[in-house]
PDB file of N, CA and C in Angstrom:
ATOM      1  N   MET A   1      -2.341  31.514  30.506  1.00  0.00           N
ATOM      2  CA  MET A   1      -1.582  30.181  30.249  1.00  0.00           C
ATOM      3  C   MET A   1      -1.823  29.791  28.840  1.00  0.00           C
ATOM      4  N   PRO A   2      -0.756  29.470  28.180  1.00  0.00           N
ATOM      5  CA  PRO A   2      -0.897  29.111  26.809  1.00  0.00           C
ATOM      6  C   PRO A   2      -1.347  27.705  26.483  1.00  0.00           C
ATOM      7  N   PHE A   3      -2.014  27.464  25.373  1.00  0.00           N
ATOM      8  CA  PHE A   3      -2.500  26.196  24.899  1.00  0.00           C
ATOM      9  C   PHE A   3      -1.149  25.402  24.274  1.00  0.00           C
ATOM     10  N   TYR A   4      -0.961  24.270  24.539  1.00  0.00           N
ATOM     11  CA  TYR A   4       0.095  23.553  23.848  1.00  0.00           C
ATOM     12  C   TYR A   4      -0.448  22.197  23.195  1.00  0.00           C
ATOM     13  N   THR A   5      -0.084  21.852  21.962  1.00  0.00           N
ATOM     14  CA  THR A   5      -0.560  20.580  21.362  1.00  0.00           C
ATOM     15  C   THR A   5       0.655  19.485  21.423  1.00  0.00           C
ATOM     16  N   PHE A   6       0.151  18.396  21.830  1.00  0.00           N
ATOM     17  CA  PHE A   6       1.114  17.362  22.135  1.00  0.00           C
ATOM     18  C   PHE A   6       0.627  16.214  21.194  1.00  0.00           C
ATOM     19  N   LYS A   7       1.744  15.404  20.554  1.00  0.00           N
ATOM     20  CA  LYS A   7       1.410  14.286  19.672  1.00  0.00           C
ATOM     21  C   LYS A   7       2.281  13.238  20.103  1.00  0.00           C
ATOM     22  N   CYS A   8       1.603  12.010  20.213  1.00  0.00           N
ATOM     23  CA  CYS A   8       2.181  10.763  20.768  1.00  0.00           C
ATOM     24  C   CYS A   8       3.214  10.177  19.750  1.00  0.00           C
ATOM     25  N   ARG A   9       4.492   9.855  20.027  1.00  0.00           N
ATOM     26  CA  ARG A   9       5.450   9.301  19.230  1.00  0.00           C
ATOM     27  C   ARG A   9       5.040   7.924  18.612  1.00  0.00           C
ATOM     28  N   THR A  10       4.335   7.250  19.291  1.00  0.00           N
ATOM     29  CA  THR A  10       3.989   5.872  18.975  1.00  0.00           C
ATOM     30  C   THR A  10       2.732   5.730  18.083  1.00  0.00           C
ATOM     31  N   CYS A  11       1.437   6.363  18.611  1.00  0.00           N
ATOM     32  CA  CYS A  11       0.264   6.046  18.033  1.00  0.00           C
ATOM     33  C   CYS A  11      -0.308   7.287  17.323  1.00  0.00           C
ATOM     34  N   GLY A  12       0.347   8.464  17.414  1.00  0.00           N
ATOM     35  CA  GLY A  12      -0.063   9.698  16.636  1.00  0.00           C
ATOM     36  C   GLY A  12      -1.164  10.488  17.237  1.00  0.00           C
ATOM     37  N   LEU A  13      -1.669  10.155  18.513  1.00  0.00           N
ATOM     38  CA  LEU A  13      -2.754  10.859  19.053  1.00  0.00           C
ATOM     39  C   LEU A  13      -2.360  12.200  19.400  1.00  0.00           C
ATOM     40  N   GLU A  14      -3.305  13.121  18.969  1.00  0.00           N
ATOM     41  CA  GLU A  14      -2.865  14.664  19.332  1.00  0.00           C
ATOM     42  C   GLU A  14      -3.803  15.056  20.497  1.00  0.00           C
ATOM     43  N   LYS A  15      -3.203  15.931  21.346  1.00  0.00           N
ATOM     44  CA  LYS A  15      -4.019  16.357  22.506  1.00  0.00           C
ATOM     45  C   LYS A  15      -3.669  17.803  22.914  1.00  0.00           C
ATOM     46  N   GLU A  16      -4.472  18.586  23.207  1.00  0.00           N
ATOM     47  CA  GLU A  16      -4.353  19.972  23.534  1.00  0.00           C
ATOM     48  C   GLU A  16      -4.418  20.183  25.091  1.00  0.00           C
ATOM     49  N   GLU A  17      -3.490  20.955  25.563  1.00  0.00           N
ATOM     50  CA  GLU A  17      -3.535  21.077  27.067  1.00  0.00           C
ATOM     51  C   GLU A  17      -3.207  22.534  27.367  1.00  0.00           C
ATOM     52  N   ILE A  18      -3.686  23.209  28.460  1.00  0.00           N
ATOM     53  CA  ILE A  18      -3.283  24.522  28.866  1.00  0.00           C
ATOM     54  C   ILE A  18      -2.153  24.235  29.923  1.00  0.00           C
ATOM     55  N   ARG A  19      -0.906  24.764  29.614  1.00  0.00           N
ATOM     56  CA  ARG A  19       0.221  24.431  30.538  1.00  0.00           C
ATOM     57  C   ARG A  19       0.808  25.884  30.945  1.00  0.00           C
ATOM     58  N   GLY A  20       1.436  25.742  32.083  1.00  0.00           N
ATOM     59  CA  GLY A  20       2.219  26.907  32.490  1.00  0.00           C
ATOM     60  C   GLY A  20       3.459  27.111  31.617  1.00  0.00           C
ATOM     61  N   MET A  21       4.130  28.223  31.500  1.00  0.00           N
ATOM     62  CA  MET A  21       5.239  28.422  30.864  1.00  0.00           C
ATOM     63  C   MET A  21       6.446  27.739  31.395  1.00  0.00           C
ATOM     64  N   ASN A  22       6.451  27.300  32.646  1.00  0.00           N
ATOM     65  CA  ASN A  22       7.580  26.749  33.249  1.00  0.00           C
ATOM     66  C   ASN A  22       7.257  25.175  33.421  1.00  0.00           C
ATOM     67  N   ASP A  23       6.385  24.671  32.748  1.00  0.00           N
ATOM     68  CA  ASP A  23       5.941  23.303  32.853  1.00  0.00           C
ATOM     69  C   ASP A  23       6.502  22.520  31.681  1.00  0.00           C
ATOM     70  N   PHE A  24       7.746  22.011  31.890  1.00  0.00           N
ATOM     71  CA  PHE A  24       8.450  21.421  30.742  1.00  0.00           C
ATOM     72  C   PHE A  24       8.305  19.892  30.701  1.00  0.00           C
ATOM     73  N   LYS A  25       7.598  19.248  31.547  1.00  0.00           N
ATOM     74  CA  LYS A  25       7.503  17.785  31.443  1.00  0.00           C
ATOM     75  C   LYS A  25       6.502  17.441  30.394  1.00  0.00           C
ATOM     76  N   GLU A  26       6.847  16.437  29.487  1.00  0.00           N
ATOM     77  CA  GLU A  26       5.975  15.949  28.506  1.00  0.00           C
ATOM     78  C   GLU A  26       4.948  15.036  29.061  1.00  0.00           C
ATOM     79  N   PRO A  27       3.629  15.186  28.770  1.00  0.00           N
ATOM     80  CA  PRO A  27       2.627  14.255  29.280  1.00  0.00           C
ATOM     81  C   PRO A  27       2.732  12.844  28.630  1.00  0.00           C
ATOM     82  N   LEU A  28       2.120  11.932  29.492  1.00  0.00           N
ATOM     83  CA  LEU A  28       1.995  10.418  29.001  1.00  0.00           C
ATOM     84  C   LEU A  28       0.809  10.259  28.105  1.00  0.00           C
ATOM     85  N   CYS A  29       1.020   9.580  27.144  1.00  0.00           N
ATOM     86  CA  CYS A  29      -0.138   9.247  26.244  1.00  0.00           C
ATOM     87  C   CYS A  29      -1.023   8.461  26.841  1.00  0.00           C
ATOM     88  N   PRO A  30      -2.290   8.822  26.778  1.00  0.00           N
ATOM     89  CA  PRO A  30      -3.486   8.038  27.447  1.00  0.00           C
ATOM     90  C   PRO A  30      -3.457   6.548  26.875  1.00  0.00           C
ATOM     91  N   ARG A  31      -3.226   6.401  25.674  1.00  0.00           N
ATOM     92  CA  ARG A  31      -3.252   5.157  24.863  1.00  0.00           C
ATOM     93  C   ARG A  31      -2.136   4.220  25.195  1.00  0.00           C
ATOM     94  N   CYS A  32      -1.009   4.784  25.129  1.00  0.00           N
ATOM     95  CA  CYS A  32       0.389   4.144  25.156  1.00  0.00           C
ATOM     96  C   CYS A  32       1.050   3.916  26.530  1.00  0.00           C
ATOM     97  N   GLN A  33       0.532   4.738  27.520  1.00  0.00           N
ATOM     98  CA  GLN A  33       1.198   4.585  28.842  1.00  0.00           C
ATOM     99  C   GLN A  33       1.241   3.234  29.491  1.00  0.00           C
ATOM    100  N   TYR A  34       0.199   2.301  29.054  1.00  0.00           N
ATOM    101  CA  TYR A  34       0.367   1.016  29.662  1.00  0.00           C
ATOM    102  C   TYR A  34       0.730  -0.067  28.613  1.00  0.00           C
ATOM    103  N   ASN A  35       1.297   0.410  27.496  1.00  0.00           N
ATOM    104  CA  ASN A  35       1.654  -0.426  26.396  1.00  0.00           C
ATOM    105  C   ASN A  35       3.054  -0.888  26.720  1.00  0.00           C
ATOM    106  N   THR A  36       3.351  -2.177  26.826  1.00  0.00           N
ATOM    107  CA  THR A  36       4.682  -2.684  27.257  1.00  0.00           C
ATOM    108  C   THR A  36       5.761  -2.512  26.071  1.00  0.00           C
ATOM    109  N   GLU A  37       5.295  -2.277  24.808  1.00  0.00           N
ATOM    110  CA  GLU A  37       6.211  -2.148  23.828  1.00  0.00           C
ATOM    111  C   GLU A  37       6.668  -0.558  23.573  1.00  0.00           C
ATOM    112  N   ALA A  38       5.901   0.241  24.166  1.00  0.00           N
ATOM    113  CA  ALA A  38       6.228   1.674  24.053  1.00  0.00           C
ATOM    114  C   ALA A  38       6.700   2.021  25.491  1.00  0.00           C
ATOM    115  N   GLU A  39       8.089   2.112  25.609  1.00  0.00           N
ATOM    116  CA  GLU A  39       8.744   2.329  26.883  1.00  0.00           C
ATOM    117  C   GLU A  39       9.588   3.518  26.711  1.00  0.00           C
ATOM    118  N   GLY A  40       9.852   4.188  27.749  1.00  0.00           N
ATOM    119  CA  GLY A  40      10.738   5.335  27.841  1.00  0.00           C
ATOM    120  C   GLY A  40      10.226   6.506  27.157  1.00  0.00           C
ATOM    121  N   LYS A  41      10.960   7.160  26.183  1.00  0.00           N
ATOM    122  CA  LYS A  41      10.358   8.421  25.611  1.00  0.00           C
ATOM    123  C   LYS A  41       9.199   8.129  24.623  1.00  0.00           C
ATOM    124  N   TYR A  42       9.183   6.893  24.242  1.00  0.00           N
ATOM    125  CA  TYR A  42       7.948   6.551  23.295  1.00  0.00           C
ATOM    126  C   TYR A  42       6.570   6.440  23.968  1.00  0.00           C
ATOM    127  N   GLU A  43       6.535   6.438  25.180  1.00  0.00           N
ATOM    128  CA  GLU A  43       5.270   6.553  25.902  1.00  0.00           C
ATOM    129  C   GLU A  43       4.853   8.044  26.193  1.00  0.00           C
ATOM    130  N   ARG A  44       5.799   8.866  25.990  1.00  0.00           N
ATOM    131  CA  ARG A  44       5.588  10.393  26.217  1.00  0.00           C
ATOM    132  C   ARG A  44       5.199  11.026  24.983  1.00  0.00           C
ATOM    133  N   MET A  45       4.412  12.138  25.132  1.00  0.00           N
ATOM    134  CA  MET A  45       4.054  12.935  23.946  1.00  0.00           C
ATOM    135  C   MET A  45       4.990  13.991  23.671  1.00  0.00           C
ATOM    136  N   LYS A  46       5.234  14.375  22.397  1.00  0.00           N
ATOM    137  CA  LYS A  46       6.025  15.521  22.046  1.00  0.00           C
ATOM    138  C   LYS A  46       5.310  16.748  21.916  1.00  0.00           C
ATOM    139  N   LYS A  47       5.784  17.854  22.116  1.00  0.00           N
ATOM    140  CA  LYS A  47       5.189  19.185  21.756  1.00  0.00           C
ATOM    141  C   LYS A  47       5.287  19.523  20.301  1.00  0.00           C
ATOM    142  N   ILE A  48       4.174  19.786  19.671  1.00  0.00           N
ATOM    143  CA  ILE A  48       4.159  20.141  18.219  1.00  0.00           C
ATOM    144  C   ILE A  48       3.680  21.612  18.152  1.00  0.00           C
ATOM    145  N   PHE A  49       3.947  22.384  17.061  1.00  0.00           N
ATOM    146  CA  PHE A  49       3.593  23.663  16.966  1.00  0.00           C
ATOM    147  C   PHE A  49       2.675  23.686  15.734  1.00  0.00           C
ATOM    148  N   LYS A  50       1.491  24.158  15.935  1.00  0.00           N
ATOM    149  CA  LYS A  50       0.378  24.379  14.992  1.00  0.00           C
ATOM    150  C   LYS A  50       0.295  25.749  14.483  1.00  0.00           C
ATOM    151  N   PRO A  51       0.085  26.022  13.272  1.00  0.00           N
ATOM    152  CA  PRO A  51       0.080  27.422  12.780  1.00  0.00           C
ATOM    153  C   PRO A  51      -1.232  28.199  13.274  1.00  0.00           C
ATOM    154  N   ASN A  52      -2.341  27.418  13.396  1.00  0.00           N
ATOM    155  CA  ASN A  52      -3.544  28.005  13.901  1.00  0.00           C
ATOM    156  C   ASN A  52      -3.709  27.811  15.376  1.00  0.00           C
ATOM    157  N   ALA A  53      -3.151  28.513  16.177  1.00  0.00           N
ATOM    158  CA  ALA A  53      -3.200  28.325  17.600  1.00  0.00           C
ATOM    159  C   ALA A  53      -4.419  28.928  18.346  1.00  0.00           C
ATOM    160  N   LYS A  54      -4.960  28.403  19.454  1.00  0.00           N
ATOM    161  CA  LYS A  54      -6.034  29.075  19.980  1.00  0.00           C
ATOM    162  C   LYS A  54      -5.614  30.222  20.843  1.00  0.00           C
ATOM    163  N   PRO A  55      -6.404  31.033  21.385  1.00  0.00           N
ATOM    164  CA  PRO A  55      -7.861  31.223  21.135  1.00  0.00           C
ATOM    165  C   PRO A  55      -8.070  31.971  19.844  1.00  0.00           C
ATOM    166  N   ALA A  56      -9.229  31.875  19.367  1.00  0.00           N
ATOM    167  CA  ALA A  56      -9.564  32.525  18.077  1.00  0.00           C
ATOM    168  C   ALA A  56     -11.042  33.114  18.237  1.00  0.00           C
ATOM    169  N   SER A  57     -11.344  34.265  17.554  1.00  0.00           N
ATOM    170  CA  SER A  57     -12.675  34.784  17.627  1.00  0.00           C
ATOM    171  C   SER A  57     -13.376  34.307  16.474  1.00  0.00           C
ATOM    172  N   LYS A  58     -14.726  34.228  16.658  1.00  0.00           N
ATOM    173  CA  LYS A  58     -15.512  33.785  15.570  1.00  0.00           C
ATOM    174  C   LYS A  58     -15.431  34.479  14.234  1.00  0.00           C
ATOM    175  N   ASP A  59     -15.469  35.864  14.364  1.00  0.00           N
ATOM    176  CA  ASP A  59     -15.457  36.680  13.213  1.00  0.00           C
ATOM    177  C   ASP A  59     -14.065  37.386  12.856  1.00  0.00           C
ATOM    178  N   GLY A  60     -13.172  37.017  13.655  1.00  0.00           N
ATOM    179  CA  GLY A  60     -11.817  37.719  13.339  1.00  0.00           C
ATOM    180  C   GLY A  60     -11.580  39.018  13.848  1.00  0.00           C
ATOM    181  N   SER A  61     -12.594  39.581  14.530  1.00  0.00           N
ATOM    182  CA  SER A  61     -12.407  40.996  14.856  1.00  0.00           C
ATOM    183  C   SER A  61     -11.939  41.264  16.345  1.00  0.00           C
ATOM    184  N   TRP A  62     -12.068  40.124  17.182  1.00  0.00           N
ATOM    185  CA  TRP A  62     -11.778  40.158  18.577  1.00  0.00           C
ATOM    186  C   TRP A  62     -12.497  41.305  19.373  1.00  0.00           C
ATOM    187  N   GLY A  63     -13.476  41.816  18.787  1.00  0.00           N
ATOM    188  CA  GLY A  63     -14.388  42.786  19.474  1.00  0.00           C
ATOM    189  C   GLY A  63     -13.908  44.083  19.508  1.00  0.00           C
ATOM    190  N   PHE A  64     -12.792  44.486  18.817  1.00  0.00           N
ATOM    191  CA  PHE A  64     -12.084  45.774  18.834  1.00  0.00           C
ATOM    192  C   PHE A  64     -12.915  46.831  18.111  1.00  0.00           C
ATOM    193  N   GLY A  65     -13.513  46.469  17.057  1.00  0.00           N
ATOM    194  CA  GLY A  65     -14.253  47.463  16.205  1.00  0.00           C
ATOM    195  C   GLY A  65     -15.676  47.699  16.561  1.00  0.00           C
ATOM    196  N   LYS A  66     -16.153  47.116  17.762  1.00  0.00           N
ATOM    197  CA  LYS A  66     -17.430  47.361  18.196  1.00  0.00           C
ATOM    198  C   LYS A  66     -17.620  48.424  19.249  1.00  0.00           C
TER     199      LYS A  66
END
């Protein structure tokens, strides 16, 4: 299951989650989900793509050369 990074449209909070490939629903922001000013799509987080995705090895070798 891949890691996805989500960012809130209102407060800018970033959160990483492990999600299934077929899980398309955007999560609710833990800060803004009860905010009355942020309604509809603004209380949901959007998926963003980061160049340095997880998982990563500490030395970069992934253990193949050992």
